[in-house]
PDB file of N, CA and C in Angstrom:
ATOM      1  N   UNK A   1     -15.296  12.670  -3.964  1.00  0.00           N
ATOM      2  CA  UNK A   1     -14.905  12.296  -5.071  1.00  0.00           C
ATOM      3  C   UNK A   1     -13.847  11.503  -5.698  1.00  0.00           C
ATOM      4  N   UNK A   2     -13.985  10.899  -7.006  1.00  0.00           N
ATOM      5  CA  UNK A   2     -12.796   9.676  -7.211  1.00  0.00           C
ATOM      6  C   UNK A   2     -11.714  11.022  -8.250  1.00  0.00           C
ATOM      7  N   UNK A   3     -10.744  10.389  -8.195  1.00  0.00           N
ATOM      8  CA  UNK A   3      -9.349  11.130  -8.682  1.00  0.00           C
ATOM      9  C   UNK A   3      -9.389  11.934  -9.819  1.00  0.00           C
ATOM     10  N   UNK A   4     -11.014  11.993 -10.724  1.00  0.00           N
ATOM     11  CA  UNK A   4     -11.032  12.840 -11.698  1.00  0.00           C
ATOM     12  C   UNK A   4     -11.848  14.019 -11.306  1.00  0.00           C
ATOM     13  N   UNK A   5     -12.745  14.471  -9.860  1.00  0.00           N
ATOM     14  CA  UNK A   5     -13.000  14.612  -9.048  1.00  0.00           C
ATOM     15  C   UNK A   5     -14.894  14.600  -9.419  1.00  0.00           C
ATOM     16  N   UNK A   6     -15.041  13.455  -9.887  1.00  0.00           N
ATOM     17  CA  UNK A   6     -16.000  12.977 -10.006  1.00  0.00           C
ATOM     18  C   UNK A   6     -17.261  12.173  -8.660  1.00  0.00           C
ATOM     19  N   UNK A   7     -18.169  12.393  -7.869  1.00  0.00           N
ATOM     20  CA  UNK A   7     -18.901  12.067  -6.941  1.00  0.00           C
ATOM     21  C   UNK A   7     -18.874  10.411  -7.819  1.00  0.00           C
ATOM     22  N   UNK A   8     -18.532   9.161  -6.400  1.00  0.00           N
ATOM     23  CA  UNK A   8     -18.824   7.641  -6.667  1.00  0.00           C
ATOM     24  C   UNK A   8     -19.360   7.086  -5.085  1.00  0.00           C
ATOM     25  N   UNK A   9     -19.927   6.215  -5.402  1.00  0.00           N
ATOM     26  CA  UNK A   9     -20.397   5.705  -4.111  1.00  0.00           C
ATOM     27  C   UNK A   9     -19.353   4.216  -3.487  1.00  0.00           C
ATOM     28  N   UNK A  10     -19.278   4.456  -2.636  1.00  0.00           N
ATOM     29  CA  UNK A  10     -18.012   4.059  -2.088  1.00  0.00           C
ATOM     30  C   UNK A  10     -18.302   3.189  -0.549  1.00  0.00           C
ATOM     31  N   UNK A  11     -17.650   1.704  -0.448  1.00  0.00           N
ATOM     32  CA  UNK A  11     -18.195   1.218   0.848  1.00  0.00           C
ATOM     33  C   UNK A  11     -17.091   0.986   1.566  1.00  0.00           C
ATOM     34  N   UNK A  12     -17.495   0.830   3.282  1.00  0.00           N
ATOM     35  CA  UNK A  12     -16.787   1.020   4.161  1.00  0.00           C
ATOM     36  C   UNK A  12     -16.596  -0.267   4.881  1.00  0.00           C
ATOM     37  N   UNK A  13     -15.359  -0.296   5.279  1.00  0.00           N
ATOM     38  CA  UNK A  13     -15.871  -1.794   6.609  1.00  0.00           C
ATOM     39  C   UNK A  13     -14.553  -1.179   7.356  1.00  0.00           C
ATOM     40  N   UNK A  14     -14.454  -2.172   8.510  1.00  0.00           N
ATOM     41  CA  UNK A  14     -14.089  -2.070   9.965  1.00  0.00           C
ATOM     42  C   UNK A  14     -13.265  -2.684   9.930  1.00  0.00           C
ATOM     43  N   UNK A  15     -11.583  -2.355   9.827  1.00  0.00           N
ATOM     44  CA  UNK A  15     -10.696  -3.758   9.788  1.00  0.00           C
ATOM     45  C   UNK A  15     -10.067  -3.499  11.806  1.00  0.00           C
ATOM     46  N   UNK A  16      -9.796  -4.886  11.784  1.00  0.00           N
ATOM     47  CA  UNK A  16      -9.382  -5.019  13.020  1.00  0.00           C
ATOM     48  C   UNK A  16      -8.271  -5.732  13.391  1.00  0.00           C
ATOM     49  N   UNK A  17      -7.154  -5.319  14.250  1.00  0.00           N
ATOM     50  CA  UNK A  17      -5.833  -5.360  14.230  1.00  0.00           C
ATOM     51  C   UNK A  17      -5.770  -6.547  15.192  1.00  0.00           C
ATOM     52  N   UNK A  18      -4.667  -7.643  15.188  1.00  0.00           N
ATOM     53  CA  UNK A  18      -5.128  -8.515  16.265  1.00  0.00           C
ATOM     54  C   UNK A  18      -4.987  -8.144  17.622  1.00  0.00           C
ATOM     55  N   UNK A  19      -4.922  -6.592  17.993  1.00  0.00           N
ATOM     56  CA  UNK A  19      -4.636  -6.169  19.545  1.00  0.00           C
ATOM     57  C   UNK A  19      -6.005  -5.686  19.489  1.00  0.00           C
ATOM     58  N   UNK A  20      -7.009  -5.444  19.184  1.00  0.00           N
ATOM     59  CA  UNK A  20      -8.287  -4.803  19.058  1.00  0.00           C
ATOM     60  C   UNK A  20      -8.313  -3.867  18.304  1.00  0.00           C
ATOM     61  N   UNK A  21      -6.994  -3.381  18.352  1.00  0.00           N
ATOM     62  CA  UNK A  21      -7.734  -1.532  17.047  1.00  0.00           C
ATOM     63  C   UNK A  21      -7.862  -1.798  16.233  1.00  0.00           C
ATOM     64  N   UNK A  22      -9.159  -0.990  16.107  1.00  0.00           N
ATOM     65  CA  UNK A  22     -10.438  -0.930  15.073  1.00  0.00           C
ATOM     66  C   UNK A  22     -10.021   0.543  14.406  1.00  0.00           C
ATOM     67  N   UNK A  23     -10.656   0.527  13.101  1.00  0.00           N
ATOM     68  CA  UNK A  23     -10.471   1.568  12.143  1.00  0.00           C
ATOM     69  C   UNK A  23     -10.760   1.288  11.339  1.00  0.00           C
ATOM     70  N   UNK A  24     -11.920   2.274  10.701  1.00  0.00           N
ATOM     71  CA  UNK A  24     -12.700   2.377   9.598  1.00  0.00           C
ATOM     72  C   UNK A  24     -11.860   3.091   8.316  1.00  0.00           C
ATOM     73  N   UNK A  25     -11.614   1.739   6.800  1.00  0.00           N
ATOM     74  CA  UNK A  25     -11.313   1.893   5.941  1.00  0.00           C
ATOM     75  C   UNK A  25     -12.652   2.134   4.813  1.00  0.00           C
ATOM     76  N   UNK A  26     -12.465   3.127   3.375  1.00  0.00           N
ATOM     77  CA  UNK A  26     -12.953   2.967   2.993  1.00  0.00           C
ATOM     78  C   UNK A  26     -12.491   2.238   1.464  1.00  0.00           C
ATOM     79  N   UNK A  27     -13.098   1.636   0.480  1.00  0.00           N
ATOM     80  CA  UNK A  27     -13.255   0.976  -0.703  1.00  0.00           C
ATOM     81  C   UNK A  27     -13.311   1.258  -1.285  1.00  0.00           C
ATOM     82  N   UNK A  28     -12.438   2.075  -2.464  1.00  0.00           N
ATOM     83  CA  UNK A  28     -13.447   2.326  -3.918  1.00  0.00           C
ATOM     84  C   UNK A  28     -13.913   1.313  -4.971  1.00  0.00           C
ATOM     85  N   UNK A  29     -13.019   0.385  -5.037  1.00  0.00           N
ATOM     86  CA  UNK A  29     -13.011  -0.380  -5.651  1.00  0.00           C
ATOM     87  C   UNK A  29     -13.867  -1.950  -4.880  1.00  0.00           C
ATOM     88  N   UNK A  30     -14.479  -1.676  -3.621  1.00  0.00           N
ATOM     89  CA  UNK A  30     -15.106  -2.957  -2.924  1.00  0.00           C
ATOM     90  C   UNK A  30     -14.381  -3.781  -2.470  1.00  0.00           C
ATOM     91  N   UNK A  31     -12.802  -3.371  -2.427  1.00  0.00           N
ATOM     92  CA  UNK A  31     -11.957  -4.592  -1.890  1.00  0.00           C
ATOM     93  C   UNK A  31     -11.476  -5.499  -2.669  1.00  0.00           C
ATOM     94  N   UNK A  32     -12.078  -4.959  -4.723  1.00  0.00           N
ATOM     95  CA  UNK A  32     -11.271  -5.883  -5.357  1.00  0.00           C
ATOM     96  C   UNK A  32     -10.681  -5.023  -5.942  1.00  0.00           C
ATOM     97  N   UNK A  33     -10.002  -3.510  -5.625  1.00  0.00           N
ATOM     98  CA  UNK A  33      -9.088  -3.687  -6.198  1.00  0.00           C
ATOM     99  C   UNK A  33      -7.896  -4.123  -6.787  1.00  0.00           C
ATOM    100  N   UNK A  34      -6.842  -3.665  -7.838  1.00  0.00           N
ATOM    101  CA  UNK A  34      -6.062  -4.790  -8.889  1.00  0.00           C
ATOM    102  C   UNK A  34      -4.887  -4.728  -7.492  1.00  0.00           C
ATOM    103  N   UNK A  35      -4.982  -3.398  -6.430  1.00  0.00           N
ATOM    104  CA  UNK A  35      -3.266  -4.489  -5.421  1.00  0.00           C
ATOM    105  C   UNK A  35      -4.213  -4.507  -3.860  1.00  0.00           C
ATOM    106  N   UNK A  36      -5.594  -4.743  -3.787  1.00  0.00           N
ATOM    107  CA  UNK A  36      -6.393  -5.507  -2.869  1.00  0.00           C
ATOM    108  C   UNK A  36      -5.648  -6.345  -2.366  1.00  0.00           C
ATOM    109  N   UNK A  37      -5.589  -7.950  -3.335  1.00  0.00           N
ATOM    110  CA  UNK A  37      -4.663  -8.587  -3.213  1.00  0.00           C
ATOM    111  C   UNK A  37      -3.979  -9.411  -4.080  1.00  0.00           C
ATOM    112  N   UNK A  38      -2.553  -9.336  -3.796  1.00  0.00           N
ATOM    113  CA  UNK A  38      -1.373  -9.486  -4.576  1.00  0.00           C
ATOM    114  C   UNK A  38      -0.847 -11.081  -4.265  1.00  0.00           C
ATOM    115  N   UNK A  39      -0.359 -11.318  -5.452  1.00  0.00           N
ATOM    116  CA  UNK A  39       0.757 -12.393  -5.326  1.00  0.00           C
ATOM    117  C   UNK A  39       1.979 -12.134  -3.977  1.00  0.00           C
ATOM    118  N   UNK A  40       2.365 -13.245  -3.733  1.00  0.00           N
ATOM    119  CA  UNK A  40       3.818 -13.151  -2.968  1.00  0.00           C
ATOM    120  C   UNK A  40       5.129 -12.116  -3.785  1.00  0.00           C
ATOM    121  N   UNK A  41       6.054 -11.416  -3.075  1.00  0.00           N
ATOM    122  CA  UNK A  41       6.763 -10.941  -4.273  1.00  0.00           C
ATOM    123  C   UNK A  41       8.300 -11.833  -3.786  1.00  0.00           C
ATOM    124  N   UNK A  42       9.303 -11.601  -4.131  1.00  0.00           N
ATOM    125  CA  UNK A  42      10.433 -12.147  -3.871  1.00  0.00           C
ATOM    126  C   UNK A  42      11.209 -11.461  -3.918  1.00  0.00           C
ATOM    127  N   UNK A  43      11.477 -10.862  -3.022  1.00  0.00           N
ATOM    128  CA  UNK A  43      12.794  -9.770  -3.594  1.00  0.00           C
ATOM    129  C   UNK A  43      14.188 -10.071  -3.173  1.00  0.00           C
ATOM    130  N   UNK A  44      15.015  -9.627  -4.636  1.00  0.00           N
ATOM    131  CA  UNK A  44      16.190 -10.138  -4.607  1.00  0.00           C
ATOM    132  C   UNK A  44      17.386  -9.581  -3.433  1.00  0.00           C
ATOM    133  N   UNK A  45      18.134 -10.389  -2.840  1.00  0.00           N
ATOM    134  CA  UNK A  45      19.131  -9.640  -2.430  1.00  0.00           C
ATOM    135  C   UNK A  45      19.847  -8.697  -2.822  1.00  0.00           C
ATOM    136  N   UNK A  46      20.007  -7.853  -1.871  1.00  0.00           N
ATOM    137  CA  UNK A  46      20.598  -6.808  -1.978  1.00  0.00           C
ATOM    138  C   UNK A  46      19.626  -5.469  -2.557  1.00  0.00           C
ATOM    139  N   UNK A  47      18.056  -6.251  -2.157  1.00  0.00           N
ATOM    140  CA  UNK A  47      17.284  -4.940  -2.810  1.00  0.00           C
ATOM    141  C   UNK A  47      15.971  -5.111  -1.562  1.00  0.00           C
ATOM    142  N   UNK A  48      15.267  -3.748  -1.953  1.00  0.00           N
ATOM    143  CA  UNK A  48      14.338  -3.057  -0.350  1.00  0.00           C
ATOM    144  C   UNK A  48      12.778  -3.313  -1.884  1.00  0.00           C
ATOM    145  N   UNK A  49      12.187  -4.060  -0.767  1.00  0.00           N
ATOM    146  CA  UNK A  49      10.721  -3.806  -1.579  1.00  0.00           C
ATOM    147  C   UNK A  49      10.026  -2.470  -0.783  1.00  0.00           C
ATOM    148  N   UNK A  50       9.013  -1.234  -1.151  1.00  0.00           N
ATOM    149  CA  UNK A  50       8.967  -0.445  -0.552  1.00  0.00           C
ATOM    150  C   UNK A  50       7.697  -0.048  -1.042  1.00  0.00           C
ATOM    151  N   UNK A  51       6.328  -0.001   0.470  1.00  0.00           N
ATOM    152  CA  UNK A  51       5.433   0.534   0.443  1.00  0.00           C
ATOM    153  C   UNK A  51       4.759   1.680   0.301  1.00  0.00           C
ATOM    154  N   UNK A  52       3.853   2.248  -0.570  1.00  0.00           N
ATOM    155  CA  UNK A  52       3.958   3.574  -0.134  1.00  0.00           C
ATOM    156  C   UNK A  52       2.727   3.736   1.250  1.00  0.00           C
ATOM    157  N   UNK A  53       1.661   5.173   0.708  1.00  0.00           N
ATOM    158  CA  UNK A  53       0.837   5.479   2.001  1.00  0.00           C
ATOM    159  C   UNK A  53      -0.378   4.891   2.038  1.00  0.00           C
ATOM    160  N   UNK A  54      -1.019   4.145   0.938  1.00  0.00           N
ATOM    161  CA  UNK A  54      -2.029   4.207   1.202  1.00  0.00           C
ATOM    162  C   UNK A  54      -1.998   3.255  -0.068  1.00  0.00           C
ATOM    163  N   UNK A  55      -2.281   1.766   0.727  1.00  0.00           N
ATOM    164  CA  UNK A  55      -2.183   0.617  -0.215  1.00  0.00           C
ATOM    165  C   UNK A  55      -3.439   0.148  -0.802  1.00  0.00           C
ATOM    166  N   UNK A  56      -4.006   1.254  -1.812  1.00  0.00           N
ATOM    167  CA  UNK A  56      -4.817   0.956  -2.981  1.00  0.00           C
ATOM    168  C   UNK A  56      -4.169   2.351  -3.683  1.00  0.00           C
ATOM    169  N   UNK A  57      -3.596   2.790  -3.889  1.00  0.00           N
ATOM    170  CA  UNK A  57      -3.561   4.389  -4.303  1.00  0.00           C
ATOM    171  C   UNK A  57      -1.874   4.797  -4.319  1.00  0.00           C
ATOM    172  N   UNK A  58      -1.063   4.012  -4.273  1.00  0.00           N
ATOM    173  CA  UNK A  58       0.325   4.693  -4.161  1.00  0.00           C
ATOM    174  C   UNK A  58       0.606   3.984  -5.359  1.00  0.00           C
ATOM    175  N   UNK A  59       2.078   4.876  -5.538  1.00  0.00           N
ATOM    176  CA  UNK A  59       3.247   4.074  -6.231  1.00  0.00           C
ATOM    177  C   UNK A  59       4.073   3.226  -5.103  1.00  0.00           C
ATOM    178  N   UNK A  60       4.146   1.772  -5.469  1.00  0.00           N
ATOM    179  CA  UNK A  60       5.368   1.177  -4.765  1.00  0.00           C
ATOM    180  C   UNK A  60       5.745   0.213  -5.518  1.00  0.00           C
ATOM    181  N   UNK A  61       6.182  -0.641  -4.723  1.00  0.00           N
ATOM    182  CA  UNK A  61       7.215  -1.558  -5.557  1.00  0.00           C
ATOM    183  C   UNK A  61       6.291  -3.248  -6.165  1.00  0.00           C
ATOM    184  N   UNK A  62       4.730  -2.441  -6.339  1.00  0.00           N
ATOM    185  CA  UNK A  62       4.653  -4.147  -6.087  1.00  0.00           C
ATOM    186  C   UNK A  62       3.884  -3.515  -8.079  1.00  0.00           C
ATOM    187  N   UNK A  63       3.717  -5.019  -8.974  1.00  0.00           N
ATOM    188  CA  UNK A  63       3.170  -4.798 -10.236  1.00  0.00           C
ATOM    189  C   UNK A  63       4.367  -4.175 -11.006  1.00  0.00           C
ATOM    190  N   UNK A  64       4.282  -4.270 -12.775  1.00  0.00           N
ATOM    191  CA  UNK A  64       4.813  -3.365 -13.619  1.00  0.00           C
ATOM    192  C   UNK A  64       4.274  -2.183 -13.361  1.00  0.00           C
ATOM    193  N   UNK A  65       3.916  -1.503 -12.949  1.00  0.00           N
ATOM    194  CA  UNK A  65       3.615  -0.507 -12.667  1.00  0.00           C
ATOM    195  C   UNK A  65       4.073   0.731 -11.926  1.00  0.00           C
ATOM    196  N   UNK A  66       4.581  -0.262 -10.596  1.00  0.00           N
ATOM    197  CA  UNK A  66       5.224   0.170  -9.799  1.00  0.00           C
ATOM    198  C   UNK A  66       6.350   0.581  -9.916  1.00  0.00           C
ATOM    199  N   UNK A  67       7.520   1.236  -8.961  1.00  0.00           N
ATOM    200  CA  UNK A  67       8.970   1.785  -8.951  1.00  0.00           C
ATOM    201  C   UNK A  67       9.854   0.398  -9.024  1.00  0.00           C
ATOM    202  N   UNK A  68       9.245  -0.978  -8.755  1.00  0.00           N
ATOM    203  CA  UNK A  68      10.392  -2.174  -8.696  1.00  0.00           C
ATOM    204  C   UNK A  68      10.878  -1.920  -7.439  1.00  0.00           C
ATOM    205  N   UNK A  69      12.150  -3.316  -7.064  1.00  0.00           N
ATOM    206  CA  UNK A  69      12.569  -3.137  -5.929  1.00  0.00           C
ATOM    207  C   UNK A  69      14.214  -2.009  -5.913  1.00  0.00           C
ATOM    208  N   UNK A  70      14.482  -2.112  -4.949  1.00  0.00           N
ATOM    209  CA  UNK A  70      14.758  -0.294  -4.390  1.00  0.00           C
ATOM    210  C   UNK A  70      16.150  -1.462  -4.123  1.00  0.00           C
ATOM    211  N   UNK A  71      17.852  -0.944  -4.798  1.00  0.00           N
ATOM    212  CA  UNK A  71      18.950  -1.506  -3.977  1.00  0.00           C
ATOM    213  C   UNK A  71      19.479  -0.863  -3.303  1.00  0.00           C
ATOM    214  N   UNK A  72      19.686  -1.261  -2.251  1.00  0.00           N
ATOM    215  CA  UNK A  72      19.747  -0.797  -0.545  1.00  0.00           C
ATOM    216  C   UNK A  72      20.938   0.296  -0.960  1.00  0.00           C
ATOM    217  N   UNK A  73      22.415  -0.015  -2.003  1.00  0.00           N
ATOM    218  CA  UNK A  73      23.072   1.278  -1.883  1.00  0.00           C
ATOM    219  C   UNK A  73      22.495   2.342  -2.133  1.00  0.00           C
ATOM    220  N   UNK A  74      21.175   2.620  -2.619  1.00  0.00           N
ATOM    221  CA  UNK A  74      20.716   4.058  -3.190  1.00  0.00           C
ATOM    222  C   UNK A  74      19.864   4.120  -1.252  1.00  0.00           C
ATOM    223  N   UNK A  75      19.781   3.802  -0.310  1.00  0.00           N
ATOM    224  CA  UNK A  75      18.815   4.564   0.524  1.00  0.00           C
ATOM    225  C   UNK A  75      20.389   5.069   1.162  1.00  0.00           C
ATOM    226  N   UNK A  76      19.413   6.100   1.663  1.00  0.00           N
ATOM    227  CA  UNK A  76      20.568   7.291   2.256  1.00  0.00           C
ATOM    228  C   UNK A  76      19.871   7.987   3.654  1.00  0.00           C
ATOM    229  N   UNK A  77      19.203   7.044   3.700  1.00  0.00           N
ATOM    230  CA  UNK A  77      18.483   7.565   4.756  1.00  0.00           C
ATOM    231  C   UNK A  77      17.825   6.151   5.985  1.00  0.00           C
ATOM    232  N   UNK A  78      17.240   6.893   7.136  1.00  0.00           N
ATOM    233  CA  UNK A  78      16.523   5.601   8.015  1.00  0.00           C
ATOM    234  C   UNK A  78      15.882   5.745   8.562  1.00  0.00           C
ATOM    235  N   UNK A  79      14.938   4.928   8.934  1.00  0.00           N
ATOM    236  CA  UNK A  79      13.714   5.742  10.135  1.00  0.00           C
ATOM    237  C   UNK A  79      13.685   6.044  11.534  1.00  0.00           C
ATOM    238  N   UNK A  80      13.217   6.834  11.884  1.00  0.00           N
ATOM    239  CA  UNK A  80      13.340   6.583  13.711  1.00  0.00           C
ATOM    240  C   UNK A  80      12.168   6.397  14.400  1.00  0.00           C
ATOM    241  N   UNK A  81      12.302   6.133  15.321  1.00  0.00           N
ATOM    242  CA  UNK A  81      11.091   5.774  15.845  1.00  0.00           C
ATOM    243  C   UNK A  81      11.010   6.329  17.198  1.00  0.00           C
ATOM    244  N   UNK A  82       9.721   6.496  18.484  1.00  0.00           N
ATOM    245  CA  UNK A  82      10.103   6.968  19.255  1.00  0.00           C
ATOM    246  C   UNK A  82       8.660   6.473  20.195  1.00  0.00           C
ATOM    247  N   UNK A  83       8.493   6.124  21.015  1.00  0.00           N
ATOM    248  CA  UNK A  83       7.747   5.399  21.356  1.00  0.00           C
ATOM    249  C   UNK A  83       7.275   5.781  23.221  1.00  0.00           C
TER     250      UNK A  83
END
């Protein structure tokens, strides 16, 4: 269903990463959504560009509808990874 709960048709694609890993994605707007192909962003010094957890349906630093760039001095946490 779409965000309003209505059933809608979608297109699926297989994305393949350079290392050969492949996964299926679903595109509601047939890979033509407003955030599918964006311009280059120039992030001001002392700021960070934040990405959300869903490329097409997420609030992040892209566009006038996003949260914008985040000043580095507002960041209070970090990322921890283990391999």
